[in-house]
Amino acid sequence: MTKILLLGVGNMGISLYRGWLNNGVKKNNILLVEKSCSRRTYLQDSLAINTVKKIPSNWKGETIVLAVKPSSIIEVFNDINKSNVNPILIISIVAGLTNEK
């Protein structure tokens, strides 16, 4: 089974997460990363969804999904590079982000 790392657990991230669960992906195959302490607390206390603050250096998986705000993307790429993870696929749903300079 594919292991998924979801970076950003805002409204879009939560929608993806719920969709995956509803379509048979097991919770233990999804790792949710949310930097915001207040958002992590809300997710845990209100929705019983566990998250971590940063990408674990020992994460082994195939897919990373980026669901962050465009202003955070450089920091996210730096975090991915520092973490030593080697995904096969990176998917971005970062709204409004283009590859133009």
Protein backbone atom coordinates (compact mmCIF):
# COMPACT_ATOMS: atom_id res chain seq x y z
CA MET A 1 0.00 0.00 0.00
CA THR A 2 1.21 3.48 -0.86
CA LYS A 3 2.36 5.62 2.04
CA ILE A 4 1.31 9.26 1.78
CA LEU A 5 2.83 12.30 3.46
CA LEU A 6 0.40 15.23 3.44
CA LEU A 7 2.03 18.59 4.06
CA GLY A 8 -0.57 21.14 5.13
CA VAL A 9 -3.78 20.18 6.87
CA GLY A 10 -6.05 23.11 6.08
CA ASN A 11 -9.43 22.75 4.43
CA MET A 12 -8.04 21.21 1.23
CA GLY A 13 -5.75 18.88 3.14
CA ILE A 14 -8.59 17.69 5.37
CA SER A 15 -10.76 17.08 2.29
CA LEU A 16 -8.04 14.96 0.70
CA TYR A 17 -7.47 13.05 3.94
CA ARG A 18 -11.16 12.25 4.38
CA GLY A 19 -11.48 11.26 0.74
CA TRP A 20 -8.57 8.85 1.03
CA LEU A 21 -10.04 7.28 4.16
CA ASN A 22 -13.46 6.98 2.51
CA ASN A 23 -11.83 5.20 -0.42
CA GLY A 24 -10.01 2.56 1.58
CA VAL A 25 -6.64 4.08 2.42
CA LYS A 26 -5.71 3.06 5.95
CA LYS A 27 -4.99 5.78 8.53
CA ASN A 28 -1.58 4.31 9.28
CA ASN A 29 -0.59 4.83 5.63
CA ILE A 30 -1.09 8.60 5.87
CA LEU A 31 1.11 10.99 7.82
CA LEU A 32 -0.21 14.52 8.28
CA VAL A 33 2.25 17.36 8.80
CA GLU A 34 0.95 20.69 10.11
CA LYS A 35 3.32 23.39 11.35
CA SER A 36 0.73 25.54 13.08
CA CYS A 37 0.42 24.61 16.74
CA SER A 38 -3.08 26.05 17.03
CA ARG A 39 -4.21 24.12 13.94
CA ARG A 40 -2.71 20.86 15.27
CA THR A 41 -4.52 21.40 18.57
CA TYR A 42 -7.82 22.07 16.76
CA LEU A 43 -7.42 18.98 14.58
CA GLN A 44 -6.71 16.79 17.61
CA ASP A 45 -9.29 18.24 19.99
CA SER A 46 -12.16 18.85 17.58
CA LEU A 47 -11.69 16.24 14.87
CA ALA A 48 -9.56 13.56 16.58
CA ILE A 49 -6.99 13.83 13.79
CA ASN A 50 -3.35 13.35 14.75
CA THR A 51 -0.64 15.41 13.07
CA VAL A 52 3.07 16.00 13.48
CA LYS A 53 4.93 19.32 13.38
CA LYS A 54 7.64 18.36 10.88
CA ILE A 55 8.61 15.67 8.44
CA PRO A 56 10.23 12.78 10.35
CA SER A 57 13.70 11.98 8.99
CA ASN A 58 12.82 8.28 9.08
CA TRP A 59 9.63 8.58 6.98
CA LYS A 60 9.58 5.98 4.25
CA GLY A 61 6.90 6.41 1.65
CA GLU A 62 6.14 6.93 -1.99
CA THR A 63 4.01 10.05 -2.23
CA ILE A 64 4.15 13.58 -0.85
CA VAL A 65 1.13 15.84 -1.32
CA LEU A 66 1.67 19.58 -0.94
CA ALA A 67 -1.42 21.39 0.34
CA VAL A 68 0.10 24.59 1.67
CA LYS A 69 -0.28 28.27 0.93
CA PRO A 70 1.89 29.56 -1.95
CA SER A 71 3.82 31.80 0.45
CA SER A 72 5.03 28.67 2.30
CA ILE A 73 6.23 26.64 -0.65
CA ILE A 74 9.94 27.55 -0.50
CA GLU A 75 10.06 26.65 3.19
CA VAL A 76 8.28 23.36 2.44
CA PHE A 77 10.77 22.47 -0.31
CA ASN A 78 13.62 23.24 2.10
CA ASP A 79 12.00 21.01 4.75
CA ILE A 80 11.67 18.17 2.23
CA ASN A 81 15.33 18.52 1.23
CA LYS A 82 16.52 18.60 4.86
CA SER A 83 14.44 15.59 5.87
CA ASN A 84 16.21 13.04 3.66
CA VAL A 85 12.96 11.57 2.35
CA ASN A 86 12.94 10.21 -1.19
CA PRO A 87 9.41 10.05 -2.53
CA ILE A 88 8.63 8.66 -5.96
CA LEU A 89 5.91 11.24 -6.53
CA ILE A 90 5.25 14.79 -5.32
CA ILE A 91 1.78 16.18 -6.00
CA SER A 92 0.98 19.85 -5.52
CA ILE A 93 -2.45 21.36 -4.98
CA VAL A 94 -0.91 24.68 -4.01
CA ALA A 95 -3.47 27.15 -5.34
CA GLY A 96 -2.16 29.95 -7.52
CA LEU A 97 1.40 28.68 -7.73
CA THR A 98 2.96 28.65 -11.19
CA ASN A 99 6.36 27.59 -12.44
CA GLU A 100 6.89 30.96 -14.09
CA LYS A 101 9.49 33.34 -12.71
